[in-house]
Amino acid sequence: MKIKLDENLPRELAGIITGLGHDADTVLDEGLGGLDDGTVWNGSQQAERFFVTQDLDFSDIRKFSPGHHFGILLVRLRDPGRDALIERVRGIFESLQVETWARCFVVATEHKVRVRRGP
């Protein structure tokens, strides 16, 4: 699966996810750091990548409806420190079939993952 990590996630997650067999890069790797959300989103979609972020600007399921993009994983932790983010995202990619999430809208909390699929 082709993954794009937003700049609000620890950069080393790209290496961890790549080590689990995915093609992962970051917004910073693509020179999109600090740019507006629309530009970041368009870059992710043009590259046909599943987007992983903590940014609530990507939480509107009406705007980012499943089936109309390459997929979003919105990570929402109560205490989103660097180590907690690495542990949670690594755990998701190690234990769940994320390959089935293409074109889905996914929200992950500490204890739950909710997958919304398109038409």
PDB file of N, CA and C in Angstrom:
ATOM      1  N   MET A   1       0.849  -1.176   0.000  1.00  0.00           N
ATOM      2  CA  MET A   1       0.000   0.000   0.000  1.00  0.00           C
ATOM      3  C   MET A   1       0.891   1.234   0.000  1.00  0.00           C
ATOM      4  N   LYS A   2       0.499   2.246  -0.748  1.00  0.00           N
ATOM      5  CA  LYS A   2       1.231   3.509  -0.792  1.00  0.00           C
ATOM      6  C   LYS A   2       0.661   4.456   0.271  1.00  0.00           C
ATOM      7  N   ILE A   3       1.531   4.901   1.180  1.00  0.00           N
ATOM      8  CA  ILE A   3       1.132   5.698   2.337  1.00  0.00           C
ATOM      9  C   ILE A   3       1.828   7.058   2.295  1.00  0.00           C
ATOM     10  N   LYS A   4       1.102   8.114   2.678  1.00  0.00           N
ATOM     11  CA  LYS A   4       1.692   9.446   2.881  1.00  0.00           C
ATOM     12  C   LYS A   4       1.394   9.845   4.323  1.00  0.00           C
ATOM     13  N   LEU A   5       2.455  10.127   5.096  1.00  0.00           N
ATOM     14  CA  LEU A   5       2.308  10.554   6.483  1.00  0.00           C
ATOM     15  C   LEU A   5       2.348  12.068   6.566  1.00  0.00           C
ATOM     16  N   ASP A   6       1.394  12.630   7.263  1.00  0.00           N
ATOM     17  CA  ASP A   6       1.346  14.076   7.458  1.00  0.00           C
ATOM     18  C   ASP A   6       2.510  14.517   8.346  1.00  0.00           C
ATOM     19  N   GLU A   7       2.815  15.802   8.293  1.00  0.00           N
ATOM     20  CA  GLU A   7       3.934  16.327   9.064  1.00  0.00           C
ATOM     21  C   GLU A   7       3.669  16.343  10.567  1.00  0.00           C
ATOM     22  N   ASN A   8       2.428  16.095  10.997  1.00  0.00           N
ATOM     23  CA  ASN A   8       2.118  16.079  12.424  1.00  0.00           C
ATOM     24  C   ASN A   8       2.319  14.699  13.054  1.00  0.00           C
ATOM     25  N   LEU A   9       2.934  13.796  12.312  1.00  0.00           N
ATOM     26  CA  LEU A   9       3.276  12.465  12.823  1.00  0.00           C
ATOM     27  C   LEU A   9       4.791  12.325  12.853  1.00  0.00           C
ATOM     28  N   PRO A  10       5.319  11.528  13.784  1.00  0.00           N
ATOM     29  CA  PRO A  10       6.771  11.337  13.833  1.00  0.00           C
ATOM     30  C   PRO A  10       7.310  10.800  12.507  1.00  0.00           C
ATOM     31  N   ARG A  11       8.337  11.438  12.012  1.00  0.00           N
ATOM     32  CA  ARG A  11       8.892  11.104  10.695  1.00  0.00           C
ATOM     33  C   ARG A  11       9.392   9.659  10.621  1.00  0.00           C
ATOM     34  N   GLU A  12       9.876   9.114  11.735  1.00  0.00           N
ATOM     35  CA  GLU A  12      10.408   7.756  11.708  1.00  0.00           C
ATOM     36  C   GLU A  12       9.341   6.696  11.442  1.00  0.00           C
ATOM     37  N   LEU A  13       8.066   7.076  11.541  1.00  0.00           N
ATOM     38  CA  LEU A  13       7.005   6.126  11.192  1.00  0.00           C
ATOM     39  C   LEU A  13       7.099   5.674   9.731  1.00  0.00           C
ATOM     40  N   ALA A  14       7.617   6.524   8.864  1.00  0.00           N
ATOM     41  CA  ALA A  14       7.769   6.135   7.453  1.00  0.00           C
ATOM     42  C   ALA A  14       8.669   4.911   7.344  1.00  0.00           C
ATOM     43  N   GLY A  15       9.782   4.902   8.057  1.00  0.00           N
ATOM     44  CA  GLY A  15      10.683   3.756   8.033  1.00  0.00           C
ATOM     45  C   GLY A  15      10.063   2.522   8.652  1.00  0.00           C
ATOM     46  N   ILE A  16       9.316   2.705   9.726  1.00  0.00           N
ATOM     47  CA  ILE A  16       8.648   1.581  10.386  1.00  0.00           C
ATOM     48  C   ILE A  16       7.616   0.955   9.448  1.00  0.00           C
ATOM     49  N   ILE A  17       6.806   1.796   8.828  1.00  0.00           N
ATOM     50  CA  ILE A  17       5.753   1.300   7.936  1.00  0.00           C
ATOM     51  C   ILE A  17       6.367   0.672   6.688  1.00  0.00           C
ATOM     52  N   THR A  18       7.436   1.262   6.180  1.00  0.00           N
ATOM     53  CA  THR A  18       8.143   0.675   5.033  1.00  0.00           C
ATOM     54  C   THR A  18       8.680  -0.705   5.411  1.00  0.00           C
ATOM     55  N   GLY A  19       9.201  -0.831   6.616  1.00  0.00           N
ATOM     56  CA  GLY A  19       9.709  -2.110   7.097  1.00  0.00           C
ATOM     57  C   GLY A  19       8.635  -3.178   7.213  1.00  0.00           C
ATOM     58  N   LEU A  20       7.383  -2.745   7.279  1.00  0.00           N
ATOM     59  CA  LEU A  20       6.261  -3.691   7.343  1.00  0.00           C
ATOM     60  C   LEU A  20       5.712  -4.022   5.958  1.00  0.00           C
ATOM     61  N   GLY A  21       6.433  -3.553   4.919  1.00  0.00           N
ATOM     62  CA  GLY A  21       6.078  -3.939   3.559  1.00  0.00           C
ATOM     63  C   GLY A  21       5.288  -2.933   2.750  1.00  0.00           C
ATOM     64  N   HIS A  22       5.143  -1.721   3.263  1.00  0.00           N
ATOM     65  CA  HIS A  22       4.401  -0.688   2.543  1.00  0.00           C
ATOM     66  C   HIS A  22       5.366   0.319   1.928  1.00  0.00           C
ATOM     67  N   ASP A  23       4.861   1.118   1.025  1.00  0.00           N
ATOM     68  CA  ASP A  23       5.624   2.199   0.396  1.00  0.00           C
ATOM     69  C   ASP A  23       5.213   3.489   1.095  1.00  0.00           C
ATOM     70  N   ALA A  24       5.972   3.895   2.103  1.00  0.00           N
ATOM     71  CA  ALA A  24       5.598   5.057   2.909  1.00  0.00           C
ATOM     72  C   ALA A  24       6.561   6.214   2.692  1.00  0.00           C
ATOM     73  N   ASP A  25       5.976   7.409   2.570  1.00  0.00           N
ATOM     74  CA  ASP A  25       6.775   8.630   2.576  1.00  0.00           C
ATOM     75  C   ASP A  25       6.046   9.669   3.410  1.00  0.00           C
ATOM     76  N   THR A  26       6.649  10.839   3.531  1.00  0.00           N
ATOM     77  CA  THR A  26       6.070  11.870   4.375  1.00  0.00           C
ATOM     78  C   THR A  26       5.824  13.145   3.583  1.00  0.00           C
ATOM     79  N   VAL A  27       4.979  13.976   4.133  1.00  0.00           N
ATOM     80  CA  VAL A  27       4.724  15.299   3.569  1.00  0.00           C
ATOM     81  C   VAL A  27       6.044  16.068   3.474  1.00  0.00           C
ATOM     82  N   LEU A  28       6.894  15.931   4.478  1.00  0.00           N
ATOM     83  CA  LEU A  28       8.183  16.631   4.481  1.00  0.00           C
ATOM     84  C   LEU A  28       9.095  16.114   3.375  1.00  0.00           C
ATOM     85  N   ASP A  29       9.083  14.794   3.140  1.00  0.00           N
ATOM     86  CA  ASP A  29       9.898  14.218   2.062  1.00  0.00           C
ATOM     87  C   ASP A  29       9.520  14.786   0.700  1.00  0.00           C
ATOM     88  N   GLU A  30       8.261  15.127   0.554  1.00  0.00           N
ATOM     89  CA  GLU A  30       7.759  15.623  -0.724  1.00  0.00           C
ATOM     90  C   GLU A  30       7.853  17.140  -0.845  1.00  0.00           C
ATOM     91  N   GLY A  31       8.427  17.797   0.163  1.00  0.00           N
ATOM     92  CA  GLY A  31       8.550  19.254   0.117  1.00  0.00           C
ATOM     93  C   GLY A  31       7.239  19.981   0.346  1.00  0.00           C
ATOM     94  N   LEU A  32       6.287  19.315   1.014  1.00  0.00           N
ATOM     95  CA  LEU A  32       4.984  19.915   1.258  1.00  0.00           C
ATOM     96  C   LEU A  32       4.825  20.423   2.686  1.00  0.00           C
ATOM     97  N   GLY A  33       5.872  20.344   3.483  1.00  0.00           N
ATOM     98  CA  GLY A  33       5.816  20.786   4.870  1.00  0.00           C
ATOM     99  C   GLY A  33       5.471  22.262   4.973  1.00  0.00           C
ATOM    100  N   GLY A  34       4.550  22.575   5.870  1.00  0.00           N
ATOM    101  CA  GLY A  34       4.175  23.960   6.118  1.00  0.00           C
ATOM    102  C   GLY A  34       3.179  24.528   5.121  1.00  0.00           C
ATOM    103  N   LEU A  35       2.818  23.761   4.113  1.00  0.00           N
ATOM    104  CA  LEU A  35       1.855  24.240   3.116  1.00  0.00           C
ATOM    105  C   LEU A  35       0.436  24.008   3.617  1.00  0.00           C
ATOM    106  N   ASP A  36      -0.521  24.676   2.988  1.00  0.00           N
ATOM    107  CA  ASP A  36      -1.914  24.559   3.420  1.00  0.00           C
ATOM    108  C   ASP A  36      -2.438  23.140   3.190  1.00  0.00           C
ATOM    109  N   ASP A  37      -3.495  22.815   3.931  1.00  0.00           N
ATOM    110  CA  ASP A  37      -4.063  21.460   3.879  1.00  0.00           C
ATOM    111  C   ASP A  37      -4.490  21.056   2.473  1.00  0.00           C
ATOM    112  N   GLY A  38      -5.042  21.984   1.712  1.00  0.00           N
ATOM    113  CA  GLY A  38      -5.480  21.662   0.361  1.00  0.00           C
ATOM    114  C   GLY A  38      -4.332  21.218  -0.525  1.00  0.00           C
ATOM    115  N   THR A  39      -3.194  21.892  -0.394  1.00  0.00           N
ATOM    116  CA  THR A  39      -2.021  21.536  -1.187  1.00  0.00           C
ATOM    117  C   THR A  39      -1.480  20.174  -0.763  1.00  0.00           C
ATOM    118  N   VAL A  40      -1.438  19.934   0.536  1.00  0.00           N
ATOM    119  CA  VAL A  40      -0.974  18.645   1.063  1.00  0.00           C
ATOM    120  C   VAL A  40      -1.903  17.528   0.591  1.00  0.00           C
ATOM    121  N   TRP A  41      -3.206  17.760   0.694  1.00  0.00           N
ATOM    122  CA  TRP A  41      -4.186  16.763   0.270  1.00  0.00           C
ATOM    123  C   TRP A  41      -4.046  16.470  -1.220  1.00  0.00           C
ATOM    124  N   ASN A  42      -3.956  17.510  -2.028  1.00  0.00           N
ATOM    125  CA  ASN A  42      -3.816  17.316  -3.474  1.00  0.00           C
ATOM    126  C   ASN A  42      -2.546  16.546  -3.812  1.00  0.00           C
ATOM    127  N   GLY A  43      -1.449  16.840  -3.114  1.00  0.00           N
ATOM    128  CA  GLY A  43      -0.199  16.104  -3.335  1.00  0.00           C
ATOM    129  C   GLY A  43      -0.354  14.633  -3.003  1.00  0.00           C
ATOM    130  N   SER A  44      -1.044  14.349  -1.918  1.00  0.00           N
ATOM    131  CA  SER A  44      -1.280  12.959  -1.517  1.00  0.00           C
ATOM    132  C   SER A  44      -2.138  12.234  -2.546  1.00  0.00           C
ATOM    133  N   GLN A  45      -3.169  12.891  -3.014  1.00  0.00           N
ATOM    134  CA  GLN A  45      -4.073  12.273  -3.975  1.00  0.00           C
ATOM    135  C   GLN A  45      -3.424  12.105  -5.345  1.00  0.00           C
ATOM    136  N   GLN A  46      -2.642  13.085  -5.772  1.00  0.00           N
ATOM    137  CA  GLN A  46      -1.946  12.963  -7.057  1.00  0.00           C
ATOM    138  C   GLN A  46      -0.957  11.804  -7.041  1.00  0.00           C
ATOM    139  N   ALA A  47      -0.373  11.549  -5.868  1.00  0.00           N
ATOM    140  CA  ALA A  47       0.565  10.436  -5.722  1.00  0.00           C
ATOM    141  C   ALA A  47      -0.158   9.113  -5.459  1.00  0.00           C
ATOM    142  N   GLU A  48      -1.507   9.170  -5.391  1.00  0.00           N
ATOM    143  CA  GLU A  48      -2.337   7.987  -5.143  1.00  0.00           C
ATOM    144  C   GLU A  48      -1.963   7.289  -3.845  1.00  0.00           C
ATOM    145  N   ARG A  49      -1.813   8.098  -2.792  1.00  0.00           N
ATOM    146  CA  ARG A  49      -1.402   7.577  -1.491  1.00  0.00           C
ATOM    147  C   ARG A  49      -2.506   7.688  -0.446  1.00  0.00           C
ATOM    148  N   PHE A  50      -2.569   6.682   0.410  1.00  0.00           N
ATOM    149  CA  PHE A  50      -3.431   6.659   1.587  1.00  0.00           C
ATOM    150  C   PHE A  50      -2.816   7.638   2.582  1.00  0.00           C
ATOM    151  N   PHE A  51      -3.606   8.590   3.071  1.00  0.00           N
ATOM    152  CA  PHE A  51      -3.098   9.693   3.887  1.00  0.00           C
ATOM    153  C   PHE A  51      -3.323   9.413   5.367  1.00  0.00           C
ATOM    154  N   VAL A  52      -2.266   9.533   6.174  1.00  0.00           N
ATOM    155  CA  VAL A  52      -2.347   9.312   7.621  1.00  0.00           C
ATOM    156  C   VAL A  52      -2.047  10.638   8.306  1.00  0.00           C
ATOM    157  N   THR A  53      -2.946  11.083   9.194  1.00  0.00           N
ATOM    158  CA  THR A  53      -2.825  12.392   9.818  1.00  0.00           C
ATOM    159  C   THR A  53      -3.479  12.412  11.192  1.00  0.00           C
ATOM    160  N   GLN A  54      -3.190  13.470  11.947  1.00  0.00           N
ATOM    161  CA  GLN A  54      -3.906  13.780  13.182  1.00  0.00           C
ATOM    162  C   GLN A  54      -4.770  15.025  13.003  1.00  0.00           C
ATOM    163  N   ASP A  55      -4.671  15.662  11.870  1.00  0.00           N
ATOM    164  CA  ASP A  55      -5.279  16.964  11.611  1.00  0.00           C
ATOM    165  C   ASP A  55      -6.799  16.852  11.489  1.00  0.00           C
ATOM    166  N   LEU A  56      -7.512  17.511  12.396  1.00  0.00           N
ATOM    167  CA  LEU A  56      -8.967  17.465  12.382  1.00  0.00           C
ATOM    168  C   LEU A  56      -9.580  18.142  11.158  1.00  0.00           C
ATOM    169  N   ASP A  57      -8.798  18.912  10.418  1.00  0.00           N
ATOM    170  CA  ASP A  57      -9.305  19.492   9.171  1.00  0.00           C
ATOM    171  C   ASP A  57      -9.666  18.404   8.165  1.00  0.00           C
ATOM    172  N   PHE A  58      -9.169  17.191   8.380  1.00  0.00           N
ATOM    173  CA  PHE A  58      -9.470  16.068   7.490  1.00  0.00           C
ATOM    174  C   PHE A  58     -10.542  15.140   8.086  1.00  0.00           C
ATOM    175  N   SER A  59     -11.255  15.610   9.107  1.00  0.00           N
ATOM    176  CA  SER A  59     -12.206  14.746   9.813  1.00  0.00           C
ATOM    177  C   SER A  59     -13.631  14.813   9.277  1.00  0.00           C
ATOM    178  N   ASP A  60     -13.919  15.716   8.373  1.00  0.00           N
ATOM    179  CA  ASP A  60     -15.279  15.872   7.852  1.00  0.00           C
ATOM    180  C   ASP A  60     -15.558  14.799   6.801  1.00  0.00           C
ATOM    181  N   ILE A  61     -16.316  13.793   7.201  1.00  0.00           N
ATOM    182  CA  ILE A  61     -16.591  12.662   6.309  1.00  0.00           C
ATOM    183  C   ILE A  61     -17.436  13.080   5.109  1.00  0.00           C
ATOM    184  N   ARG A  62     -18.152  14.192   5.225  1.00  0.00           N
ATOM    185  CA  ARG A  62     -18.912  14.681   4.061  1.00  0.00           C
ATOM    186  C   ARG A  62     -17.964  15.242   3.011  1.00  0.00           C
ATOM    187  N   LYS A  63     -16.923  15.918   3.452  1.00  0.00           N
ATOM    188  CA  LYS A  63     -15.941  16.477   2.525  1.00  0.00           C
ATOM    189  C   LYS A  63     -14.994  15.394   1.998  1.00  0.00           C
ATOM    190  N   PHE A  64     -14.671  14.439   2.847  1.00  0.00           N
ATOM    191  CA  PHE A  64     -13.740  13.360   2.496  1.00  0.00           C
ATOM    192  C   PHE A  64     -14.486  12.026   2.501  1.00  0.00           C
ATOM    193  N   SER A  65     -15.547  11.956   1.743  1.00  0.00           N
ATOM    194  CA  SER A  65     -16.411  10.781   1.767  1.00  0.00           C
ATOM    195  C   SER A  65     -15.693   9.553   1.189  1.00  0.00           C
ATOM    196  N   PRO A  66     -15.879   8.423   1.850  1.00  0.00           N
ATOM    197  CA  PRO A  66     -15.230   7.188   1.406  1.00  0.00           C
ATOM    198  C   PRO A  66     -15.577   6.873  -0.048  1.00  0.00           C
ATOM    199  N   GLY A  67     -14.595   6.341  -0.757  1.00  0.00           N
ATOM    200  CA  GLY A  67     -14.786   5.968  -2.140  1.00  0.00           C
ATOM    201  C   GLY A  67     -14.407   7.055  -3.126  1.00  0.00           C
ATOM    202  N   HIS A  68     -14.134   8.262  -2.618  1.00  0.00           N
ATOM    203  CA  HIS A  68     -13.836   9.394  -3.493  1.00  0.00           C
ATOM    204  C   HIS A  68     -12.410   9.903  -3.335  1.00  0.00           C
ATOM    205  N   HIS A  69     -11.566   9.125  -2.702  1.00  0.00           N
ATOM    206  CA  HIS A  69     -10.160   9.468  -2.514  1.00  0.00           C
ATOM    207  C   HIS A  69      -9.401   8.169  -2.269  1.00  0.00           C
ATOM    208  N   PHE A  70      -8.092   8.271  -2.071  1.00  0.00           N
ATOM    209  CA  PHE A  70      -7.272   7.069  -1.899  1.00  0.00           C
ATOM    210  C   PHE A  70      -7.230   6.577  -0.456  1.00  0.00           C
ATOM    211  N   GLY A  71      -7.921   7.254   0.440  1.00  0.00           N
ATOM    212  CA  GLY A  71      -8.050   6.813   1.815  1.00  0.00           C
ATOM    213  C   GLY A  71      -7.410   7.752   2.813  1.00  0.00           C
ATOM    214  N   ILE A  72      -8.002   7.766   4.000  1.00  0.00           N
ATOM    215  CA  ILE A  72      -7.516   8.587   5.118  1.00  0.00           C
ATOM    216  C   ILE A  72      -7.553   7.745   6.387  1.00  0.00           C
ATOM    217  N   LEU A  73      -6.483   7.831   7.157  1.00  0.00           N
ATOM    218  CA  LEU A  73      -6.476   7.326   8.534  1.00  0.00           C
ATOM    219  C   LEU A  73      -6.279   8.535   9.432  1.00  0.00           C
ATOM    220  N   LEU A  74      -7.294   8.872  10.203  1.00  0.00           N
ATOM    221  CA  LEU A  74      -7.232   9.969  11.160  1.00  0.00           C
ATOM    222  C   LEU A  74      -6.935   9.372  12.529  1.00  0.00           C
ATOM    223  N   VAL A  75      -5.791   9.714  13.085  1.00  0.00           N
ATOM    224  CA  VAL A  75      -5.353   9.179  14.376  1.00  0.00           C
ATOM    225  C   VAL A  75      -5.729  10.187  15.458  1.00  0.00           C
ATOM    226  N   ARG A  76      -6.562   9.765  16.408  1.00  0.00           N
ATOM    227  CA  ARG A  76      -7.045  10.642  17.468  1.00  0.00           C
ATOM    228  C   ARG A  76      -6.736  10.015  18.823  1.00  0.00           C
ATOM    229  N   LEU A  77      -5.614  10.396  19.400  1.00  0.00           N
ATOM    230  CA  LEU A  77      -5.226   9.890  20.721  1.00  0.00           C
ATOM    231  C   LEU A  77      -5.466  10.967  21.766  1.00  0.00           C
ATOM    232  N   ARG A  78      -5.855  10.550  22.946  1.00  0.00           N
ATOM    233  CA  ARG A  78      -6.086  11.488  24.045  1.00  0.00           C
ATOM    234  C   ARG A  78      -4.789  12.195  24.426  1.00  0.00           C
ATOM    235  N   ASP A  79      -3.684  11.446  24.430  1.00  0.00           N
ATOM    236  CA  ASP A  79      -2.369  12.011  24.726  1.00  0.00           C
ATOM    237  C   ASP A  79      -1.453  11.671  23.551  1.00  0.00           C
ATOM    238  N   PRO A  80      -1.431  12.531  22.528  1.00  0.00           N
ATOM    239  CA  PRO A  80      -0.719  12.198  21.289  1.00  0.00           C
ATOM    240  C   PRO A  80       0.767  12.535  21.309  1.00  0.00           C
ATOM    241  N   GLY A  81       1.459  12.083  22.332  1.00  0.00           N
ATOM    242  CA  GLY A  81       2.905  12.272  22.371  1.00  0.00           C
ATOM    243  C   GLY A  81       3.586  11.417  21.313  1.00  0.00           C
ATOM    244  N   ARG A  82       4.824  11.742  21.035  1.00  0.00           N
ATOM    245  CA  ARG A  82       5.596  11.065  19.988  1.00  0.00           C
ATOM    246  C   ARG A  82       5.597   9.544  20.156  1.00  0.00           C
ATOM    247  N   ASP A  83       5.929   9.072  21.347  1.00  0.00           N
ATOM    248  CA  ASP A  83       6.013   7.625  21.580  1.00  0.00           C
ATOM    249  C   ASP A  83       4.651   6.946  21.455  1.00  0.00           C
ATOM    250  N   ALA A  84       3.606   7.609  21.962  1.00  0.00           N
ATOM    251  CA  ALA A  84       2.260   7.036  21.871  1.00  0.00           C
ATOM    252  C   ALA A  84       1.814   6.932  20.414  1.00  0.00           C
ATOM    253  N   LEU A  85       2.128   7.937  19.623  1.00  0.00           N
ATOM    254  CA  LEU A  85       1.771   7.908  18.202  1.00  0.00           C
ATOM    255  C   LEU A  85       2.505   6.793  17.470  1.00  0.00           C
ATOM    256  N   ILE A  86       3.791   6.673  17.726  1.00  0.00           N
ATOM    257  CA  ILE A  86       4.567   5.613  17.080  1.00  0.00           C
ATOM    258  C   ILE A  86       4.017   4.251  17.458  1.00  0.00           C
ATOM    259  N   GLU A  87       3.767   4.049  18.744  1.00  0.00           N
ATOM    260  CA  GLU A  87       3.262   2.757  19.213  1.00  0.00           C
ATOM    261  C   GLU A  87       1.903   2.431  18.594  1.00  0.00           C
ATOM    262  N   ARG A  88       0.993   3.395  18.571  1.00  0.00           N
ATOM    263  CA  ARG A  88      -0.352   3.131  18.063  1.00  0.00           C
ATOM    264  C   ARG A  88      -0.361   2.887  16.551  1.00  0.00           C
ATOM    265  N   VAL A  89       0.323   3.741  15.807  1.00  0.00           N
ATOM    266  CA  VAL A  89       0.333   3.582  14.350  1.00  0.00           C
ATOM    267  C   VAL A  89       1.067   2.304  13.967  1.00  0.00           C
ATOM    268  N   ARG A  90       2.186   2.009  14.616  1.00  0.00           N
ATOM    269  CA  ARG A  90       2.890   0.751  14.350  1.00  0.00           C
ATOM    270  C   ARG A  90       1.967  -0.432  14.623  1.00  0.00           C
ATOM    271  N   GLY A  91       1.292  -0.411  15.756  1.00  0.00           N
ATOM    272  CA  GLY A  91       0.382  -1.492  16.107  1.00  0.00           C
ATOM    273  C   GLY A  91      -0.720  -1.687  15.083  1.00  0.00           C
ATOM    274  N   ILE A  92      -1.250  -0.607  14.569  1.00  0.00           N
ATOM    275  CA  ILE A  92      -2.294  -0.689  13.540  1.00  0.00           C
ATOM    276  C   ILE A  92      -1.746  -1.369  12.291  1.00  0.00           C
ATOM    277  N   PHE A  93      -0.580  -0.913  11.828  1.00  0.00           N
ATOM    278  CA  PHE A  93      -0.021  -1.465  10.596  1.00  0.00           C
ATOM    279  C   PHE A  93       0.509  -2.884  10.776  1.00  0.00           C
ATOM    280  N   GLU A  94       0.869  -3.260  12.005  1.00  0.00           N
ATOM    281  CA  GLU A  94       1.333  -4.632  12.261  1.00  0.00           C
ATOM    282  C   GLU A  94       0.185  -5.625  12.383  1.00  0.00           C
ATOM    283  N   SER A  95      -0.930  -5.192  12.958  1.00  0.00           N
ATOM    284  CA  SER A  95      -1.948  -6.167  13.343  1.00  0.00           C
ATOM    285  C   SER A  95      -3.230  -6.139  12.524  1.00  0.00           C
ATOM    286  N   LEU A  96      -3.451  -5.096  11.754  1.00  0.00           N
ATOM    287  CA  LEU A  96      -4.702  -4.998  11.000  1.00  0.00           C
ATOM    288  C   LEU A  96      -4.435  -5.072   9.500  1.00  0.00           C
ATOM    289  N   GLN A  97      -5.434  -5.434   8.752  1.00  0.00           N
ATOM    290  CA  GLN A  97      -5.302  -5.559   7.299  1.00  0.00           C
ATOM    291  C   GLN A  97      -5.550  -4.202   6.648  1.00  0.00           C
ATOM    292  N   VAL A  98      -4.590  -3.312   6.810  1.00  0.00           N
ATOM    293  CA  VAL A  98      -4.742  -1.949   6.298  1.00  0.00           C
ATOM    294  C   VAL A  98      -4.865  -1.909   4.778  1.00  0.00           C
ATOM    295  N   GLU A  99      -4.399  -2.940   4.097  1.00  0.00           N
ATOM    296  CA  GLU A  99      -4.510  -2.986   2.637  1.00  0.00           C
ATOM    297  C   GLU A  99      -5.968  -2.937   2.186  1.00  0.00           C
ATOM    298  N   THR A 100      -6.864  -3.358   3.048  1.00  0.00           N
ATOM    299  CA  THR A 100      -8.290  -3.356   2.701  1.00  0.00           C
ATOM    300  C   THR A 100      -8.916  -1.981   2.899  1.00  0.00           C
ATOM    301  N   TRP A 101      -8.147  -1.017   3.374  1.00  0.00           N
ATOM    302  CA  TRP A 101      -8.668   0.314   3.665  1.00  0.00           C
ATOM    303  C   TRP A 101      -8.532   1.292   2.505  1.00  0.00           C
ATOM    304  N   ALA A 102      -8.069   0.859   1.362  1.00  0.00           N
ATOM    305  CA  ALA A 102      -7.960   1.761   0.217  1.00  0.00           C
ATOM    306  C   ALA A 102      -9.329   2.386  -0.034  1.00  0.00           C
ATOM    307  N   ARG A 103      -9.335   3.697  -0.217  1.00  0.00           N
ATOM    308  CA  ARG A 103     -10.537   4.480  -0.527  1.00  0.00           C
ATOM    309  C   ARG A 103     -11.501   4.587   0.660  1.00  0.00           C
ATOM    310  N   CYS A 104     -11.040   4.234   1.875  1.00  0.00           N
ATOM    311  CA  CYS A 104     -11.872   4.299   3.079  1.00  0.00           C
ATOM    312  C   CYS A 104     -11.529   5.524   3.924  1.00  0.00           C
ATOM    313  N   PHE A 105     -12.436   5.839   4.827  1.00  0.00           N
ATOM    314  CA  PHE A 105     -12.221   6.872   5.835  1.00  0.00           C
ATOM    315  C   PHE A 105     -12.119   6.133   7.165  1.00  0.00           C
ATOM    316  N   VAL A 106     -10.949   6.200   7.810  1.00  0.00           N
ATOM    317  CA  VAL A 106     -10.674   5.404   9.002  1.00  0.00           C
ATOM    318  C   VAL A 106     -10.302   6.334  10.157  1.00  0.00           C
ATOM    319  N   VAL A 107     -10.875   6.087  11.323  1.00  0.00           N
ATOM    320  CA  VAL A 107     -10.534   6.832  12.529  1.00  0.00           C
ATOM    321  C   VAL A 107     -10.026   5.842  13.568  1.00  0.00           C
ATOM    322  N   ALA A 108      -8.842   6.152  14.127  1.00  0.00           N
ATOM    323  CA  ALA A 108      -8.255   5.287  15.153  1.00  0.00           C
ATOM    324  C   ALA A 108      -8.074   6.076  16.443  1.00  0.00           C
ATOM    325  N   THR A 109      -8.541   5.488  17.541  1.00  0.00           N
ATOM    326  CA  THR A 109      -8.293   6.033  18.868  1.00  0.00           C
ATOM    327  C   THR A 109      -7.388   5.042  19.595  1.00  0.00           C
ATOM    328  N   GLU A 110      -7.208   5.253  20.887  1.00  0.00           N
ATOM    329  CA  GLU A 110      -6.361   4.351  21.664  1.00  0.00           C
ATOM    330  C   GLU A 110      -6.850   2.907  21.620  1.00  0.00           C
ATOM    331  N   HIS A 111      -8.167   2.743  21.611  1.00  0.00           N
ATOM    332  CA  HIS A 111      -8.734   1.405  21.784  1.00  0.00           C
ATOM    333  C   HIS A 111      -9.578   0.915  20.621  1.00  0.00           C
ATOM    334  N   LYS A 112      -9.792   1.757  19.629  1.00  0.00           N
ATOM    335  CA  LYS A 112     -10.773   1.416  18.608  1.00  0.00           C
ATOM    336  C   LYS A 112     -10.315   1.899  17.242  1.00  0.00           C
ATOM    337  N   VAL A 113     -10.724   1.160  16.216  1.00  0.00           N
ATOM    338  CA  VAL A 113     -10.523   1.585  14.835  1.00  0.00           C
ATOM    339  C   VAL A 113     -11.868   1.452  14.138  1.00  0.00           C
ATOM    340  N   ARG A 114     -12.328   2.559  13.560  1.00  0.00           N
ATOM    341  CA  ARG A 114     -13.601   2.563  12.839  1.00  0.00           C
ATOM    342  C   ARG A 114     -13.326   2.800  11.358  1.00  0.00           C
ATOM    343  N   VAL A 115     -13.780   1.902  10.511  1.00  0.00           N
ATOM    344  CA  VAL A 115     -13.548   1.968   9.073  1.00  0.00           C
ATOM    345  C   VAL A 115     -14.876   2.253   8.380  1.00  0.00           C
ATOM    346  N   ARG A 116     -14.880   3.322   7.598  1.00  0.00           N
ATOM    347  CA  ARG A 116     -16.057   3.636   6.787  1.00  0.00           C
ATOM    348  C   ARG A 116     -15.688   3.401   5.322  1.00  0.00           C
ATOM    349  N   ARG A 117     -16.446   2.567   4.677  1.00  0.00           N
ATOM    350  CA  ARG A 117     -16.190   2.205   3.283  1.00  0.00           C
ATOM    351  C   ARG A 117     -17.149   2.957   2.365  1.00  0.00           C
ATOM    352  N   GLY A 118     -16.696   3.175   1.155  1.00  0.00           N
ATOM    353  CA  GLY A 118     -17.501   3.892   0.174  1.00  0.00           C
ATOM    354  C   GLY A 118     -18.496   2.990  -0.519  1.00  0.00           C
ATOM    355  N   PRO A 119     -19.228   3.602  -1.419  1.00  0.00           N
ATOM    356  CA  PRO A 119     -20.242   2.851  -2.163  1.00  0.00           C
ATOM    357  C   PRO A 119     -19.622   1.806  -3.077  1.00  0.00           C
TER     358      PRO A 119
END
